[in-house]
Structures are given as structure tokens and as C-alpha cells.
Amino acid sequence: MTTTNEKNLATVVHLSALTQYFIPFGNYIFPIIIWSSKKDESEFVDANGKQVLNFQLSIFVYSVILCLIAIPILIYTIFKTANFNTLFTNNHFEIENFNIHNITGISILGIIAALLFFAIKVIEFALIINAAVKSSNGEVYKYPLTIPFFK
């Protein structure tokens, strides 16, 4: 039987991942602090803390992969269509060949990767809220598509 204090701590562990929107790397720092201070005292907090950290690390891995795909492709597409001669003569940057006919399959892959990155961040927010609600009800929430770094 989990106590109200354990449920509250588990909920705070989940919600502490949202600090990433205010403090850089807050989604790792605060869950680690709360989890490591209470993991020996409560099995419920320990299980939820591992789930939060596994999910945040998984999201980081997925985000890095998508950024490594999207950023170079989008930079290549911009520089491929840019006219640098007008940059120095007219003092403005022109992308004159950038139209729907010049978008290649590799450009579409970069756009899809960028859109997936933003979709992952929106889904991450919703899953954190859902996990906090479940843990406040006394359930250990298992995030989908999570790589088990901590077992």
C-alpha cells in the first residue's frame, strides 16, 4: 500500500521533468535529485523515478537522432538554393531557386525529421502530465517507447 506522501513524491518526480522549459537540463537534474534522495525509502518513488529518467533519456536520444538528420539536410537545402552573388552586391540574402519544384526527396526527409522532433516534444508534455495523474492515483506509469537505461 502506497502512502499519500509517496504518491505526492512520485507525482512531483514526474512533474519535475517539466522544468526543462524554465531551466536547461532541469528535466534531468530535478528528477535525479528527488529520486536519489527517496529511492531507498520508497519502492513506489524508486519505480516512478526510474521511469521518468528512462523516458527523459530516451527522448534525448530520439531528439539527437532527429536533429542529426534534419539540421544538416535543411542547411544543405538552403545553401544549395541560395545565391551568394546578390549578398555582396545588393547587401541582402536571396534564396532565388527555392520553390516547390526544387524540393527533393532528401529535403522532404529533413522536413519530416524536423516535424517529428516538434511532435515528440508535444507528446512528451502530454505523457508527463498523464504520468503525474497516474502516479497521484497510486499507479506506476510506464512511458511508451522508453529505452530501459535504469532497471
N, C-alpha and C. Protein backbone atom coordinates (compact mmCIF):
# COMPACT_ATOMS: atom_id res chain seq x y z
N MET A 1 0.84 -1.18 0.00
CA MET A 1 0.00 0.00 0.00
C MET A 1 0.89 1.24 0.00
N THR A 2 0.63 2.11 -0.95
CA THR A 2 1.41 3.34 -1.02
C THR A 2 0.73 4.44 -0.22
N THR A 3 1.56 5.21 0.44
CA THR A 3 1.03 6.30 1.27
C THR A 3 0.81 7.54 0.40
N THR A 4 0.10 8.48 0.96
CA THR A 4 -0.17 9.74 0.25
C THR A 4 1.13 10.49 0.00
N ASN A 5 2.06 10.44 0.93
CA ASN A 5 3.35 11.10 0.76
C ASN A 5 4.12 10.49 -0.41
N GLU A 6 4.09 9.16 -0.53
CA GLU A 6 4.78 8.51 -1.65
C GLU A 6 4.15 8.89 -2.99
N LYS A 7 2.83 8.93 -3.01
CA LYS A 7 2.12 9.32 -4.23
C LYS A 7 2.48 10.75 -4.63
N ASN A 8 2.51 11.63 -3.64
CA ASN A 8 2.87 13.04 -3.91
C ASN A 8 4.30 13.18 -4.41
N LEU A 9 5.22 12.44 -3.79
CA LEU A 9 6.62 12.50 -4.23
C LEU A 9 6.77 11.96 -5.65
N ALA A 10 6.07 10.88 -5.96
CA ALA A 10 6.14 10.31 -7.31
C ALA A 10 5.55 11.29 -8.33
N THR A 11 4.49 11.96 -7.96
CA THR A 11 3.90 12.95 -8.84
C THR A 11 4.85 14.11 -9.08
N VAL A 12 5.51 14.55 -8.03
CA VAL A 12 6.47 15.65 -8.15
C VAL A 12 7.66 15.22 -9.01
N VAL A 13 8.07 13.95 -8.90
CA VAL A 13 9.18 13.46 -9.74
C VAL A 13 8.79 13.57 -11.22
N HIS A 14 7.57 13.15 -11.54
CA HIS A 14 7.11 13.25 -12.93
C HIS A 14 7.03 14.70 -13.37
N LEU A 15 6.41 15.54 -12.57
CA LEU A 15 6.22 16.94 -12.95
C LEU A 15 7.54 17.73 -12.98
N SER A 16 8.55 17.25 -12.23
CA SER A 16 9.83 17.96 -12.23
C SER A 16 10.52 17.88 -13.60
N ALA A 17 10.10 16.94 -14.43
CA ALA A 17 10.65 16.88 -15.78
C ALA A 17 10.22 18.08 -16.63
N LEU A 18 9.16 18.74 -16.23
CA LEU A 18 8.69 19.92 -16.96
C LEU A 18 9.57 21.15 -16.70
N THR A 19 10.48 21.06 -15.76
CA THR A 19 11.38 22.19 -15.50
C THR A 19 12.32 22.46 -16.67
N GLN A 20 12.34 21.55 -17.64
CA GLN A 20 13.17 21.77 -18.83
C GLN A 20 12.75 23.02 -19.59
N TYR A 21 11.52 23.46 -19.41
CA TYR A 21 11.04 24.65 -20.10
C TYR A 21 11.49 25.94 -19.43
N PHE A 22 12.04 25.84 -18.22
CA PHE A 22 12.50 27.01 -17.47
C PHE A 22 13.99 26.98 -17.19
N ILE A 23 14.51 25.78 -16.95
CA ILE A 23 15.91 25.61 -16.57
C ILE A 23 16.54 24.58 -17.51
N PRO A 24 17.64 24.91 -18.17
CA PRO A 24 18.28 23.93 -19.04
C PRO A 24 18.69 22.68 -18.25
N PHE A 25 18.38 21.54 -18.80
CA PHE A 25 18.65 20.23 -18.22
C PHE A 25 17.93 20.01 -16.90
N GLY A 26 16.92 20.81 -16.63
CA GLY A 26 16.11 20.62 -15.42
C GLY A 26 15.35 19.32 -15.45
N ASN A 27 15.05 18.82 -16.66
CA ASN A 27 14.34 17.56 -16.77
C ASN A 27 15.19 16.37 -16.35
N TYR A 28 16.49 16.57 -16.15
CA TYR A 28 17.36 15.51 -15.63
C TYR A 28 17.76 15.80 -14.18
N ILE A 29 18.07 17.06 -13.91
CA ILE A 29 18.61 17.44 -12.60
C ILE A 29 17.59 17.21 -11.48
N PHE A 30 16.40 17.77 -11.62
CA PHE A 30 15.42 17.69 -10.54
C PHE A 30 14.86 16.28 -10.32
N PRO A 31 14.54 15.52 -11.38
CA PRO A 31 14.13 14.14 -11.11
C PRO A 31 15.22 13.30 -10.44
N ILE A 32 16.48 13.53 -10.82
CA ILE A 32 17.58 12.78 -10.21
C ILE A 32 17.70 13.14 -8.73
N ILE A 33 17.58 14.43 -8.41
CA ILE A 33 17.70 14.85 -7.01
C ILE A 33 16.59 14.24 -6.16
N ILE A 34 15.36 14.35 -6.63
CA ILE A 34 14.22 13.82 -5.86
C ILE A 34 14.28 12.31 -5.77
N TRP A 35 14.55 11.66 -6.90
CA TRP A 35 14.58 10.19 -6.94
C TRP A 35 15.71 9.64 -6.06
N SER A 36 16.90 10.22 -6.18
CA SER A 36 18.04 9.68 -5.41
C SER A 36 17.89 9.91 -3.91
N SER A 37 17.17 10.94 -3.53
CA SER A 37 17.00 11.19 -2.10
C SER A 37 15.94 10.28 -1.48
N LYS A 38 15.01 9.75 -2.27
CA LYS A 38 13.92 8.95 -1.71
C LYS A 38 13.84 7.53 -2.24
N LYS A 39 14.75 7.11 -3.12
CA LYS A 39 14.64 5.79 -3.72
C LYS A 39 14.84 4.65 -2.72
N ASP A 40 15.61 4.87 -1.68
CA ASP A 40 15.83 3.82 -0.69
C ASP A 40 14.68 3.71 0.31
N GLU A 41 13.93 4.78 0.46
CA GLU A 41 12.83 4.81 1.42
C GLU A 41 11.52 4.29 0.85
N SER A 42 11.33 4.39 -0.47
CA SER A 42 10.05 4.02 -1.06
C SER A 42 10.26 3.30 -2.39
N GLU A 43 9.71 2.13 -2.49
CA GLU A 43 9.78 1.37 -3.73
C GLU A 43 8.94 2.03 -4.83
N PHE A 44 7.84 2.66 -4.44
CA PHE A 44 6.97 3.34 -5.39
C PHE A 44 7.67 4.55 -6.01
N VAL A 45 8.32 5.35 -5.20
CA VAL A 45 9.07 6.51 -5.71
C VAL A 45 10.25 6.04 -6.56
N ASP A 46 10.89 4.95 -6.15
CA ASP A 46 12.01 4.40 -6.90
C ASP A 46 11.56 3.98 -8.30
N ALA A 47 10.45 3.27 -8.40
CA ALA A 47 9.96 2.80 -9.70
C ALA A 47 9.55 3.97 -10.60
N ASN A 48 8.87 4.94 -10.03
CA ASN A 48 8.47 6.12 -10.82
C ASN A 48 9.67 6.95 -11.24
N GLY A 49 10.63 7.10 -10.35
CA GLY A 49 11.84 7.87 -10.68
C GLY A 49 12.62 7.23 -11.82
N LYS A 50 12.72 5.91 -11.82
CA LYS A 50 13.41 5.21 -12.91
C LYS A 50 12.65 5.41 -14.22
N GLN A 51 11.34 5.37 -14.16
CA GLN A 51 10.53 5.57 -15.37
C GLN A 51 10.74 6.98 -15.94
N VAL A 52 10.76 7.97 -15.07
CA VAL A 52 10.96 9.35 -15.53
C VAL A 52 12.33 9.51 -16.18
N LEU A 53 13.37 9.01 -15.53
CA LEU A 53 14.71 9.17 -16.07
C LEU A 53 14.90 8.38 -17.36
N ASN A 54 14.35 7.17 -17.42
CA ASN A 54 14.44 6.38 -18.64
C ASN A 54 13.74 7.11 -19.80
N PHE A 55 12.58 7.68 -19.51
CA PHE A 55 11.83 8.38 -20.54
C PHE A 55 12.58 9.63 -21.01
N GLN A 56 13.11 10.40 -20.08
CA GLN A 56 13.82 11.62 -20.46
C GLN A 56 15.08 11.31 -21.26
N LEU A 57 15.80 10.27 -20.87
CA LEU A 57 16.98 9.88 -21.63
C LEU A 57 16.60 9.35 -23.01
N SER A 58 15.50 8.62 -23.10
CA SER A 58 15.02 8.12 -24.40
C SER A 58 14.62 9.28 -25.31
N ILE A 59 13.91 10.25 -24.77
CA ILE A 59 13.53 11.43 -25.55
C ILE A 59 14.77 12.17 -26.04
N PHE A 60 15.79 12.25 -25.19
CA PHE A 60 17.04 12.89 -25.58
C PHE A 60 17.69 12.16 -26.76
N VAL A 61 17.74 10.84 -26.69
CA VAL A 61 18.33 10.04 -27.77
C VAL A 61 17.54 10.24 -29.06
N TYR A 62 16.22 10.16 -28.98
CA TYR A 62 15.38 10.35 -30.17
C TYR A 62 15.55 11.76 -30.73
N SER A 63 15.64 12.76 -29.88
CA SER A 63 15.79 14.15 -30.33
C SER A 63 17.14 14.36 -31.02
N VAL A 64 18.19 13.79 -30.47
CA VAL A 64 19.52 13.93 -31.08
C VAL A 64 19.53 13.28 -32.46
N ILE A 65 18.95 12.10 -32.57
CA ILE A 65 18.91 11.42 -33.87
C ILE A 65 18.14 12.26 -34.89
N LEU A 66 16.98 12.77 -34.50
CA LEU A 66 16.20 13.58 -35.43
C LEU A 66 16.92 14.88 -35.81
N CYS A 67 17.60 15.49 -34.86
CA CYS A 67 18.36 16.72 -35.16
C CYS A 67 19.55 16.43 -36.07
N LEU A 68 20.19 15.28 -35.86
CA LEU A 68 21.31 14.91 -36.73
C LEU A 68 20.85 14.62 -38.16
N ILE A 69 19.60 14.28 -38.32
CA ILE A 69 19.05 14.08 -39.66
C ILE A 69 18.59 15.42 -40.24
N ALA A 70 17.81 16.17 -39.48
CA ALA A 70 17.14 17.36 -40.00
C ALA A 70 18.08 18.54 -40.25
N ILE A 71 18.92 18.87 -39.30
CA ILE A 71 19.72 20.10 -39.40
C ILE A 71 20.67 20.10 -40.61
N PRO A 72 21.49 19.05 -40.81
CA PRO A 72 22.37 19.10 -41.99
C PRO A 72 21.60 19.13 -43.31
N ILE A 73 20.50 18.40 -43.39
CA ILE A 73 19.72 18.39 -44.64
C ILE A 73 19.12 19.76 -44.91
N LEU A 74 18.56 20.38 -43.88
CA LEU A 74 17.96 21.70 -44.09
C LEU A 74 19.01 22.76 -44.40
N ILE A 75 20.16 22.69 -43.78
CA ILE A 75 21.25 23.64 -44.09
C ILE A 75 21.72 23.42 -45.52
N TYR A 76 21.87 22.17 -45.93
CA TYR A 76 22.28 21.87 -47.30
C TYR A 76 21.26 22.41 -48.30
N THR A 77 19.99 22.23 -48.02
CA THR A 77 18.94 22.70 -48.91
C THR A 77 18.96 24.22 -49.05
N ILE A 78 19.17 24.93 -47.96
CA ILE A 78 19.21 26.39 -48.01
C ILE A 78 20.43 26.87 -48.79
N PHE A 79 21.60 26.28 -48.53
CA PHE A 79 22.81 26.73 -49.23
C PHE A 79 22.81 26.31 -50.69
N LYS A 80 22.12 25.24 -51.01
CA LYS A 80 22.04 24.79 -52.40
C LYS A 80 21.20 25.77 -53.23
N THR A 81 20.20 26.35 -52.63
CA THR A 81 19.31 27.25 -53.37
C THR A 81 19.65 28.73 -53.19
N ALA A 82 20.63 29.04 -52.38
CA ALA A 82 20.96 30.45 -52.12
C ALA A 82 21.85 31.01 -53.21
N ASN A 83 21.67 32.28 -53.49
CA ASN A 83 22.50 32.99 -54.45
C ASN A 83 23.38 33.96 -53.66
N PHE A 84 24.65 33.61 -53.52
CA PHE A 84 25.55 34.42 -52.71
C PHE A 84 26.10 35.64 -53.46
N ASN A 85 25.94 35.68 -54.76
CA ASN A 85 26.41 36.84 -55.52
C ASN A 85 25.62 38.09 -55.15
N THR A 86 24.31 37.95 -54.99
CA THR A 86 23.50 39.12 -54.64
C THR A 86 23.72 39.55 -53.19
N LEU A 87 24.26 38.67 -52.38
CA LEU A 87 24.53 39.03 -50.98
C LEU A 87 25.57 40.15 -50.92
N PHE A 88 26.56 40.09 -51.77
CA PHE A 88 27.64 41.07 -51.72
C PHE A 88 27.36 42.30 -52.58
N THR A 89 26.52 42.17 -53.58
CA THR A 89 26.25 43.33 -54.44
C THR A 89 25.06 44.15 -53.95
N ASN A 90 24.00 43.49 -53.51
CA ASN A 90 22.79 44.21 -53.10
C ASN A 90 22.62 44.29 -51.58
N ASN A 91 23.54 43.74 -50.84
CA ASN A 91 23.53 43.74 -49.38
C ASN A 91 22.30 43.05 -48.78
N HIS A 92 21.78 42.07 -49.47
CA HIS A 92 20.72 41.26 -48.89
C HIS A 92 20.85 39.81 -49.39
N PHE A 93 20.35 38.93 -48.60
CA PHE A 93 20.45 37.49 -48.87
C PHE A 93 19.22 37.03 -49.63
N GLU A 94 19.43 36.38 -50.76
CA GLU A 94 18.33 35.93 -51.59
C GLU A 94 18.37 34.43 -51.78
N ILE A 95 17.23 33.80 -51.62
CA ILE A 95 17.10 32.41 -52.00
C ILE A 95 16.20 32.40 -53.22
N GLU A 96 16.84 32.39 -54.40
CA GLU A 96 16.05 32.58 -55.61
C GLU A 96 15.54 31.28 -56.22
N ASN A 97 16.17 30.16 -55.95
CA ASN A 97 15.76 28.90 -56.56
C ASN A 97 14.92 28.05 -55.62
N PHE A 98 14.47 28.61 -54.54
CA PHE A 98 13.71 27.83 -53.56
C PHE A 98 12.23 27.89 -53.89
N ASN A 99 11.75 26.87 -54.54
CA ASN A 99 10.33 26.75 -54.84
C ASN A 99 9.93 25.29 -54.75
N ILE A 100 8.68 25.02 -54.95
CA ILE A 100 8.16 23.67 -54.76
C ILE A 100 8.76 22.68 -55.76
N HIS A 101 9.20 23.14 -56.90
CA HIS A 101 9.75 22.25 -57.92
C HIS A 101 11.16 21.79 -57.58
N ASN A 102 11.86 22.54 -56.74
CA ASN A 102 13.24 22.19 -56.39
C ASN A 102 13.37 21.41 -55.09
N ILE A 103 12.25 21.10 -54.45
CA ILE A 103 12.31 20.32 -53.22
C ILE A 103 12.54 18.85 -53.59
N THR A 104 13.61 18.30 -53.07
CA THR A 104 13.97 16.92 -53.39
C THR A 104 13.52 15.99 -52.27
N GLY A 105 13.70 14.70 -52.51
CA GLY A 105 13.34 13.71 -51.50
C GLY A 105 14.14 13.88 -50.22
N ILE A 106 15.39 14.27 -50.34
CA ILE A 106 16.22 14.47 -49.14
C ILE A 106 15.72 15.67 -48.35
N SER A 107 15.21 16.70 -49.04
CA SER A 107 14.65 17.85 -48.34
C SER A 107 13.39 17.47 -47.59
N ILE A 108 12.58 16.62 -48.20
CA ILE A 108 11.36 16.15 -47.55
C ILE A 108 11.71 15.35 -46.30
N LEU A 109 12.78 14.54 -46.38
CA LEU A 109 13.23 13.79 -45.21
C LEU A 109 13.63 14.73 -44.08
N GLY A 110 14.31 15.82 -44.39
CA GLY A 110 14.68 16.81 -43.38
C GLY A 110 13.48 17.49 -42.76
N ILE A 111 12.50 17.81 -43.59
CA ILE A 111 11.27 18.45 -43.09
C ILE A 111 10.51 17.50 -42.19
N ILE A 112 10.42 16.22 -42.60
CA ILE A 112 9.72 15.23 -41.78
C ILE A 112 10.43 15.04 -40.44
N ALA A 113 11.76 14.99 -40.45
CA ALA A 113 12.52 14.84 -39.21
C ALA A 113 12.30 16.03 -38.28
N ALA A 114 12.25 17.23 -38.84
CA ALA A 114 12.01 18.42 -38.03
C ALA A 114 10.60 18.40 -37.44
N LEU A 115 9.63 18.01 -38.23
CA LEU A 115 8.25 17.91 -37.73
C LEU A 115 8.11 16.84 -36.66
N LEU A 116 8.80 15.72 -36.85
CA LEU A 116 8.78 14.65 -35.83
C LEU A 116 9.40 15.13 -34.52
N PHE A 117 10.45 15.95 -34.61
CA PHE A 117 11.07 16.49 -33.41
C PHE A 117 10.06 17.32 -32.61
N PHE A 118 9.35 18.19 -33.29
CA PHE A 118 8.36 19.02 -32.60
C PHE A 118 7.20 18.19 -32.09
N ALA A 119 6.81 17.17 -32.83
CA ALA A 119 5.73 16.28 -32.37
C ALA A 119 6.15 15.52 -31.12
N ILE A 120 7.39 15.08 -31.07
CA ILE A 120 7.89 14.37 -29.88
C ILE A 120 7.83 15.27 -28.65
N LYS A 121 8.18 16.55 -28.81
CA LYS A 121 8.15 17.46 -27.67
C LYS A 121 6.72 17.70 -27.17
N VAL A 122 5.76 17.76 -28.07
CA VAL A 122 4.36 17.93 -27.66
C VAL A 122 3.86 16.67 -26.97
N ILE A 123 4.17 15.51 -27.55
CA ILE A 123 3.75 14.24 -26.96
C ILE A 123 4.42 14.04 -25.60
N GLU A 124 5.68 14.45 -25.48
CA GLU A 124 6.39 14.35 -24.20
C GLU A 124 5.64 15.12 -23.11
N PHE A 125 5.21 16.33 -23.42
CA PHE A 125 4.49 17.14 -22.44
C PHE A 125 3.21 16.44 -21.99
N ALA A 126 2.45 15.91 -22.94
CA ALA A 126 1.19 15.23 -22.62
C ALA A 126 1.44 13.97 -21.79
N LEU A 127 2.48 13.22 -22.13
CA LEU A 127 2.77 11.99 -21.38
C LEU A 127 3.23 12.27 -19.96
N ILE A 128 3.96 13.35 -19.76
CA ILE A 128 4.39 13.72 -18.41
C ILE A 128 3.17 14.05 -17.54
N ILE A 129 2.24 14.80 -18.09
CA ILE A 129 1.01 15.14 -17.34
C ILE A 129 0.23 13.87 -17.03
N ASN A 130 0.09 12.99 -18.02
CA ASN A 130 -0.63 11.73 -17.82
C ASN A 130 0.05 10.87 -16.75
N ALA A 131 1.37 10.81 -16.77
CA ALA A 131 2.10 10.03 -15.78
C ALA A 131 1.94 10.61 -14.38
N ALA A 132 1.91 11.92 -14.27
CA ALA A 132 1.72 12.55 -12.97
C ALA A 132 0.34 12.23 -12.40
N VAL A 133 -0.67 12.23 -13.25
CA VAL A 133 -2.03 11.89 -12.80
C VAL A 133 -2.08 10.44 -12.35
N LYS A 134 -1.48 9.54 -13.15
CA LYS A 134 -1.48 8.11 -12.79
C LYS A 134 -0.75 7.86 -11.48
N SER A 135 0.40 8.52 -11.29
CA SER A 135 1.15 8.30 -10.06
C SER A 135 0.44 8.89 -8.85
N SER A 136 -0.32 9.96 -9.05
CA SER A 136 -1.08 10.51 -7.93
C SER A 136 -2.23 9.58 -7.54
N ASN A 137 -2.61 8.69 -8.46
CA ASN A 137 -3.63 7.68 -8.16
C ASN A 137 -3.02 6.38 -7.64
N GLY A 138 -1.70 6.34 -7.49
CA GLY A 138 -1.05 5.17 -6.93
C GLY A 138 -0.56 4.15 -7.93
N GLU A 139 -0.51 4.52 -9.22
CA GLU A 139 -0.04 3.61 -10.26
C GLU A 139 1.37 3.98 -10.69
N VAL A 140 2.15 2.95 -11.05
CA VAL A 140 3.46 3.19 -11.65
C VAL A 140 3.23 3.29 -13.15
N TYR A 141 3.48 4.45 -13.71
CA TYR A 141 3.21 4.69 -15.13
C TYR A 141 4.42 4.26 -15.95
N LYS A 142 4.18 3.47 -16.98
CA LYS A 142 5.24 3.06 -17.91
C LYS A 142 5.09 3.87 -19.18
N TYR A 143 6.06 4.73 -19.45
CA TYR A 143 6.04 5.54 -20.65
C TYR A 143 6.22 4.66 -21.89
N PRO A 144 5.53 4.98 -22.99
CA PRO A 144 5.71 4.18 -24.21
C PRO A 144 7.04 4.49 -24.89
N LEU A 145 7.56 3.51 -25.62
CA LEU A 145 8.80 3.64 -26.41
C LEU A 145 10.00 4.11 -25.59
N THR A 146 10.06 3.65 -24.34
CA THR A 146 11.16 4.04 -23.46
C THR A 146 12.25 2.99 -23.46
N ILE A 147 13.48 3.44 -23.58
CA ILE A 147 14.63 2.55 -23.51
C ILE A 147 14.96 2.36 -22.03
N PRO A 148 15.06 1.12 -21.55
CA PRO A 148 15.30 0.91 -20.10
C PRO A 148 16.79 1.08 -19.73
N PHE A 149 17.21 2.31 -19.48
CA PHE A 149 18.57 2.57 -19.04
C PHE A 149 18.76 2.14 -17.59
N PHE A 150 17.77 2.45 -16.74
CA PHE A 150 17.77 2.05 -15.33
C PHE A 150 16.76 0.94 -15.17
N LYS A 151 17.17 -0.14 -14.53
CA LYS A 151 16.24 -1.27 -14.35
C LYS A 151 15.91 -1.46 -12.90
